[in-house]
Amino acid sequence: MPPVFGWLCNELPYETPTTSIATHVHNRVPGMVPYIELDPSIDHPLVREQASGISLHRLAEINKAVMG
């Protein structure tokens, strides 16, 4: 099945809102969660981090902001 269009609907701790970032949803085999690819044409830090990778330190910062 080809990727389908979607929107990111989660608010993550970035200065620029993360809701309504265009995505491509890649379905995988049953029982495996879909792969959500953020639209690379969008200029947003989250999109850049997905494309270039994210450090464990940055992941911990986001997790702490979200989970408290």
PDB file of N, CA and C in Angstrom:
ATOM      1  N   MET A   1       0.850  -1.175   0.000  1.00  0.00           N
ATOM      2  CA  MET A   1       0.000   0.000   0.000  1.00  0.00           C
ATOM      3  C   MET A   1       0.900   1.244   0.000  1.00  0.00           C
ATOM      4  N   PRO A   2       0.643   2.190  -0.863  1.00  0.00           N
ATOM      5  CA  PRO A   2       1.463   3.402  -0.893  1.00  0.00           C
ATOM      6  C   PRO A   2       1.202   4.271   0.338  1.00  0.00           C
ATOM      7  N   PRO A   3       2.144   5.153   0.671  1.00  0.00           N
ATOM      8  CA  PRO A   3       1.940   6.053   1.812  1.00  0.00           C
ATOM      9  C   PRO A   3       0.693   6.910   1.605  1.00  0.00           C
ATOM     10  N   VAL A   4       0.050   7.260   2.709  1.00  0.00           N
ATOM     11  CA  VAL A   4      -1.123   8.121   2.655  1.00  0.00           C
ATOM     12  C   VAL A   4      -0.835   9.419   3.406  1.00  0.00           C
ATOM     13  N   PHE A   5      -1.514  10.467   2.997  1.00  0.00           N
ATOM     14  CA  PHE A   5      -1.339  11.787   3.598  1.00  0.00           C
ATOM     15  C   PHE A   5      -1.975  11.822   4.976  1.00  0.00           C
ATOM     16  N   GLY A   6      -1.366  12.571   5.877  1.00  0.00           N
ATOM     17  CA  GLY A   6      -1.932  12.766   7.206  1.00  0.00           C
ATOM     18  C   GLY A   6      -1.426  14.055   7.815  1.00  0.00           C
ATOM     19  N   TRP A   7      -1.926  14.347   9.010  1.00  0.00           N
ATOM     20  CA  TRP A   7      -1.492  15.520   9.769  1.00  0.00           C
ATOM     21  C   TRP A   7      -0.981  15.059  11.125  1.00  0.00           C
ATOM     22  N   LEU A   8       0.113  15.660  11.591  1.00  0.00           N
ATOM     23  CA  LEU A   8       0.565  15.424  12.955  1.00  0.00           C
ATOM     24  C   LEU A   8      -0.360  16.225  13.859  1.00  0.00           C
ATOM     25  N   CYS A   9      -0.934  15.583  14.853  1.00  0.00           N
ATOM     26  CA  CYS A   9      -1.905  16.260  15.724  1.00  0.00           C
ATOM     27  C   CYS A   9      -1.455  16.270  17.179  1.00  0.00           C
ATOM     28  N   ASN A  10      -0.151  16.186  17.395  1.00  0.00           N
ATOM     29  CA  ASN A  10       0.391  16.211  18.745  1.00  0.00           C
ATOM     30  C   ASN A  10       1.156  17.505  18.968  1.00  0.00           C
ATOM     31  N   GLU A  11       0.980  18.083  20.142  1.00  0.00           N
ATOM     32  CA  GLU A  11       1.724  19.281  20.494  1.00  0.00           C
ATOM     33  C   GLU A  11       2.962  18.856  21.271  1.00  0.00           C
ATOM     34  N   LEU A  12       4.117  19.114  20.698  1.00  0.00           N
ATOM     35  CA  LEU A  12       5.389  18.802  21.334  1.00  0.00           C
ATOM     36  C   LEU A  12       6.079  20.105  21.723  1.00  0.00           C
ATOM     37  N   PRO A  13       7.016  20.056  22.675  1.00  0.00           N
ATOM     38  CA  PRO A  13       7.613  21.282  23.203  1.00  0.00           C
ATOM     39  C   PRO A  13       8.637  21.929  22.258  1.00  0.00           C
ATOM     40  N   TYR A  14       8.136  22.615  21.262  1.00  0.00           N
ATOM     41  CA  TYR A  14       8.946  23.393  20.327  1.00  0.00           C
ATOM     42  C   TYR A  14       8.390  24.805  20.308  1.00  0.00           C
ATOM     43  N   GLU A  15       9.228  25.777  19.979  1.00  0.00           N
ATOM     44  CA  GLU A  15       8.743  27.163  19.901  1.00  0.00           C
ATOM     45  C   GLU A  15       7.670  27.302  18.833  1.00  0.00           C
ATOM     46  N   THR A  16       7.867  26.643  17.706  1.00  0.00           N
ATOM     47  CA  THR A  16       6.887  26.643  16.623  1.00  0.00           C
ATOM     48  C   THR A  16       5.939  25.464  16.842  1.00  0.00           C
ATOM     49  N   PRO A  17       4.634  25.666  16.753  1.00  0.00           N
ATOM     50  CA  PRO A  17       3.688  24.561  16.990  1.00  0.00           C
ATOM     51  C   PRO A  17       3.969  23.345  16.103  1.00  0.00           C
ATOM     52  N   THR A  18       3.737  22.168  16.679  1.00  0.00           N
ATOM     53  CA  THR A  18       3.933  20.931  15.926  1.00  0.00           C
ATOM     54  C   THR A  18       2.624  20.359  15.396  1.00  0.00           C
ATOM     55  N   THR A  19       1.497  20.915  15.816  1.00  0.00           N
ATOM     56  CA  THR A  19       0.226  20.429  15.288  1.00  0.00           C
ATOM     57  C   THR A  19       0.088  20.882  13.835  1.00  0.00           C
ATOM     58  N   SER A  20      -0.539  20.060  13.057  1.00  0.00           N
ATOM     59  CA  SER A  20      -0.810  20.337  11.647  1.00  0.00           C
ATOM     60  C   SER A  20       0.441  20.341  10.764  1.00  0.00           C
ATOM     61  N   ILE A  21       1.455  19.561  11.123  1.00  0.00           N
ATOM     62  CA  ILE A  21       2.580  19.333  10.211  1.00  0.00           C
ATOM     63  C   ILE A  21       2.150  18.196   9.290  1.00  0.00           C
ATOM     64  N   ALA A  22       2.294  18.404   7.993  1.00  0.00           N
ATOM     65  CA  ALA A  22       1.912  17.383   7.018  1.00  0.00           C
ATOM     66  C   ALA A  22       2.806  16.153   7.161  1.00  0.00           C
ATOM     67  N   THR A  23       2.222  14.981   6.985  1.00  0.00           N
ATOM     68  CA  THR A  23       2.957  13.724   7.101  1.00  0.00           C
ATOM     69  C   THR A  23       2.620  12.791   5.948  1.00  0.00           C
ATOM     70  N   HIS A  24       3.438  11.761   5.825  1.00  0.00           N
ATOM     71  CA  HIS A  24       3.173  10.626   4.957  1.00  0.00           C
ATOM     72  C   HIS A  24       3.158   9.418   5.885  1.00  0.00           C
ATOM     73  N   VAL A  25       2.049   8.704   5.919  1.00  0.00           N
ATOM     74  CA  VAL A  25       1.895   7.549   6.804  1.00  0.00           C
ATOM     75  C   VAL A  25       2.182   6.291   5.995  1.00  0.00           C
ATOM     76  N   HIS A  26       3.213   5.551   6.423  1.00  0.00           N
ATOM     77  CA  HIS A  26       3.617   4.323   5.747  1.00  0.00           C
ATOM     78  C   HIS A  26       3.114   3.137   6.567  1.00  0.00           C
ATOM     79  N   ASN A  27       2.130   2.429   6.030  1.00  0.00           N
ATOM     80  CA  ASN A  27       1.631   1.237   6.717  1.00  0.00           C
ATOM     81  C   ASN A  27       2.673   0.138   6.616  1.00  0.00           C
ATOM     82  N   ARG A  28       2.706  -0.706   7.636  1.00  0.00           N
ATOM     83  CA  ARG A  28       3.649  -1.820   7.666  1.00  0.00           C
ATOM     84  C   ARG A  28       2.878  -3.110   7.915  1.00  0.00           C
ATOM     85  N   VAL A  29       3.598  -4.178   8.148  1.00  0.00           N
ATOM     86  CA  VAL A  29       2.955  -5.475   8.351  1.00  0.00           C
ATOM     87  C   VAL A  29       2.021  -5.408   9.552  1.00  0.00           C
ATOM     88  N   PRO A  30       0.962  -6.239   9.575  1.00  0.00           N
ATOM     89  CA  PRO A  30       0.039  -6.235  10.707  1.00  0.00           C
ATOM     90  C   PRO A  30       0.777  -6.437  12.034  1.00  0.00           C
ATOM     91  N   GLY A  31       0.374  -5.657  13.028  1.00  0.00           N
ATOM     92  CA  GLY A  31       0.979  -5.726  14.347  1.00  0.00           C
ATOM     93  C   GLY A  31       2.129  -4.749  14.542  1.00  0.00           C
ATOM     94  N   MET A  32       2.585  -4.110  13.478  1.00  0.00           N
ATOM     95  CA  MET A  32       3.667  -3.132  13.569  1.00  0.00           C
ATOM     96  C   MET A  32       3.076  -1.748  13.329  1.00  0.00           C
ATOM     97  N   VAL A  33       3.445  -0.794  14.189  1.00  0.00           N
ATOM     98  CA  VAL A  33       2.884   0.550  14.051  1.00  0.00           C
ATOM     99  C   VAL A  33       3.339   1.187  12.746  1.00  0.00           C
ATOM    100  N   PRO A  34       2.524   2.064  12.171  1.00  0.00           N
ATOM    101  CA  PRO A  34       2.923   2.740  10.935  1.00  0.00           C
ATOM    102  C   PRO A  34       4.140   3.629  11.161  1.00  0.00           C
ATOM    103  N   TYR A  35       4.884   3.860  10.108  1.00  0.00           N
ATOM    104  CA  TYR A  35       5.997   4.799  10.130  1.00  0.00           C
ATOM    105  C   TYR A  35       5.444   6.150   9.695  1.00  0.00           C
ATOM    106  N   ILE A  36       5.630   7.177  10.515  1.00  0.00           N
ATOM    107  CA  ILE A  36       5.136   8.514  10.205  1.00  0.00           C
ATOM    108  C   ILE A  36       6.319   9.350   9.712  1.00  0.00           C
ATOM    109  N   GLU A  37       6.285   9.717   8.469  1.00  0.00           N
ATOM    110  CA  GLU A  37       7.333  10.541   7.870  1.00  0.00           C
ATOM    111  C   GLU A  37       6.816  11.970   7.771  1.00  0.00           C
ATOM    112  N   LEU A  38       7.505  12.880   8.442  1.00  0.00           N
ATOM    113  CA  LEU A  38       7.121  14.286   8.353  1.00  0.00           C
ATOM    114  C   LEU A  38       7.509  14.815   6.979  1.00  0.00           C
ATOM    115  N   ASP A  39       6.681  15.682   6.438  1.00  0.00           N
ATOM    116  CA  ASP A  39       6.919  16.234   5.096  1.00  0.00           C
ATOM    117  C   ASP A  39       8.233  17.015   5.100  1.00  0.00           C
ATOM    118  N   PRO A  40       9.223  16.563   4.338  1.00  0.00           N
ATOM    119  CA  PRO A  40      10.538  17.219   4.372  1.00  0.00           C
ATOM    120  C   PRO A  40      10.545  18.635   3.803  1.00  0.00           C
ATOM    121  N   SER A  41       9.487  19.043   3.121  1.00  0.00           N
ATOM    122  CA  SER A  41       9.442  20.401   2.569  1.00  0.00           C
ATOM    123  C   SER A  41       9.030  21.435   3.619  1.00  0.00           C
ATOM    124  N   ILE A  42       8.610  20.973   4.807  1.00  0.00           N
ATOM    125  CA  ILE A  42       8.193  21.864   5.887  1.00  0.00           C
ATOM    126  C   ILE A  42       9.437  22.324   6.654  1.00  0.00           C
ATOM    127  N   ASP A  43       9.565  23.631   6.867  1.00  0.00           N
ATOM    128  CA  ASP A  43      10.693  24.174   7.620  1.00  0.00           C
ATOM    129  C   ASP A  43      10.315  24.230   9.096  1.00  0.00           C
ATOM    130  N   HIS A  44      10.661  23.167   9.820  1.00  0.00           N
ATOM    131  CA  HIS A  44      10.349  23.076  11.247  1.00  0.00           C
ATOM    132  C   HIS A  44      11.466  22.282  11.916  1.00  0.00           C
ATOM    133  N   PRO A  45      11.865  22.643  13.144  1.00  0.00           N
ATOM    134  CA  PRO A  45      12.935  21.911  13.821  1.00  0.00           C
ATOM    135  C   PRO A  45      12.661  20.414  13.970  1.00  0.00           C
ATOM    136  N   LEU A  46      11.409  20.035  14.238  1.00  0.00           N
ATOM    137  CA  LEU A  46      11.075  18.622  14.381  1.00  0.00           C
ATOM    138  C   LEU A  46      11.313  17.871  13.073  1.00  0.00           C
ATOM    139  N   VAL A  47      10.956  18.478  11.963  1.00  0.00           N
ATOM    140  CA  VAL A  47      11.171  17.856  10.648  1.00  0.00           C
ATOM    141  C   VAL A  47      12.668  17.667  10.406  1.00  0.00           C
ATOM    142  N   ARG A  48      13.448  18.694  10.723  1.00  0.00           N
ATOM    143  CA  ARG A  48      14.906  18.595  10.547  1.00  0.00           C
ATOM    144  C   ARG A  48      15.493  17.519  11.456  1.00  0.00           C
ATOM    145  N   GLU A  49      15.003  17.439  12.696  1.00  0.00           N
ATOM    146  CA  GLU A  49      15.508  16.412  13.617  1.00  0.00           C
ATOM    147  C   GLU A  49      15.147  15.007  13.135  1.00  0.00           C
ATOM    148  N   GLN A  50      13.970  14.844  12.567  1.00  0.00           N
ATOM    149  CA  GLN A  50      13.613  13.521  12.056  1.00  0.00           C
ATOM    150  C   GLN A  50      14.528  13.146  10.891  1.00  0.00           C
ATOM    151  N   ALA A  51      14.830  14.107  10.045  1.00  0.00           N
ATOM    152  CA  ALA A  51      15.653  13.831   8.864  1.00  0.00           C
ATOM    153  C   ALA A  51      17.116  13.570   9.222  1.00  0.00           C
ATOM    154  N   SER A  52      17.651  14.315  10.205  1.00  0.00           N
ATOM    155  CA  SER A  52      19.081  14.215  10.489  1.00  0.00           C
ATOM    156  C   SER A  52      19.403  13.347  11.706  1.00  0.00           C
ATOM    157  N   GLY A  53      18.397  12.981  12.456  1.00  0.00           N
ATOM    158  CA  GLY A  53      18.621  12.198  13.668  1.00  0.00           C
ATOM    159  C   GLY A  53      18.518  13.085  14.896  1.00  0.00           C
ATOM    160  N   ILE A  54      18.333  12.452  16.032  1.00  0.00           N
ATOM    161  CA  ILE A  54      18.144  13.180  17.276  1.00  0.00           C
ATOM    162  C   ILE A  54      19.008  12.515  18.344  1.00  0.00           C
ATOM    163  N   SER A  55      19.661  13.315  19.148  1.00  0.00           N
ATOM    164  CA  SER A  55      20.537  12.756  20.182  1.00  0.00           C
ATOM    165  C   SER A  55      19.700  12.238  21.356  1.00  0.00           C
ATOM    166  N   LEU A  56      20.285  11.350  22.135  1.00  0.00           N
ATOM    167  CA  LEU A  56      19.595  10.865  23.331  1.00  0.00           C
ATOM    168  C   LEU A  56      19.356  12.000  24.313  1.00  0.00           C
ATOM    169  N   HIS A  57      20.268  12.945  24.373  1.00  0.00           N
ATOM    170  CA  HIS A  57      20.088  14.104  25.251  1.00  0.00           C
ATOM    171  C   HIS A  57      18.861  14.911  24.836  1.00  0.00           C
ATOM    172  N   ARG A  58      18.719  15.166  23.540  1.00  0.00           N
ATOM    173  CA  ARG A  58      17.555  15.920  23.042  1.00  0.00           C
ATOM    174  C   ARG A  58      16.274  15.141  23.289  1.00  0.00           C
ATOM    175  N   LEU A  59      16.306  13.844  23.072  1.00  0.00           N
ATOM    176  CA  LEU A  59      15.136  13.010  23.338  1.00  0.00           C
ATOM    177  C   LEU A  59      14.743  13.098  24.807  1.00  0.00           C
ATOM    178  N   ALA A  60      15.724  13.085  25.697  1.00  0.00           N
ATOM    179  CA  ALA A  60      15.441  13.201  27.132  1.00  0.00           C
ATOM    180  C   ALA A  60      14.823  14.558  27.458  1.00  0.00           C
ATOM    181  N   GLU A  61      15.290  15.630  26.802  1.00  0.00           N
ATOM    182  CA  GLU A  61      14.702  16.962  27.015  1.00  0.00           C
ATOM    183  C   GLU A  61      13.228  16.982  26.620  1.00  0.00           C
ATOM    184  N   ILE A  62      12.927  16.431  25.452  1.00  0.00           N
ATOM    185  CA  ILE A  62      11.538  16.397  24.984  1.00  0.00           C
ATOM    186  C   ILE A  62      10.691  15.545  25.914  1.00  0.00           C
ATOM    187  N   ASN A  63      11.210  14.376  26.286  1.00  0.00           N
ATOM    188  CA  ASN A  63      10.470  13.478  27.172  1.00  0.00           C
ATOM    189  C   ASN A  63      10.167  14.146  28.513  1.00  0.00           C
ATOM    190  N   LYS A  64      11.149  14.855  29.066  1.00  0.00           N
ATOM    191  CA  LYS A  64      10.934  15.531  30.352  1.00  0.00           C
ATOM    192  C   LYS A  64       9.868  16.620  30.223  1.00  0.00           C
ATOM    193  N   ALA A  65       9.898  17.362  29.111  1.00  0.00           N
ATOM    194  CA  ALA A  65       8.907  18.423  28.907  1.00  0.00           C
ATOM    195  C   ALA A  65       7.503  17.860  28.735  1.00  0.00           C
ATOM    196  N   VAL A  66       7.399  16.714  28.087  1.00  0.00           N
ATOM    197  CA  VAL A  66       6.087  16.115  27.830  1.00  0.00           C
ATOM    198  C   VAL A  66       5.566  15.371  29.066  1.00  0.00           C
ATOM    199  N   MET A  67       6.450  14.593  29.682  1.00  0.00           N
ATOM    200  CA  MET A  67       6.020  13.716  30.787  1.00  0.00           C
ATOM    201  C   MET A  67       6.137  14.379  32.152  1.00  0.00           C
ATOM    202  N   GLY A  68       6.902  15.468  32.234  1.00  0.00           N
ATOM    203  CA  GLY A  68       7.043  16.163  33.517  1.00  0.00           C
ATOM    204  C   GLY A  68       8.141  15.644  34.383  1.00  0.00           C
TER     205      GLY A  68
END
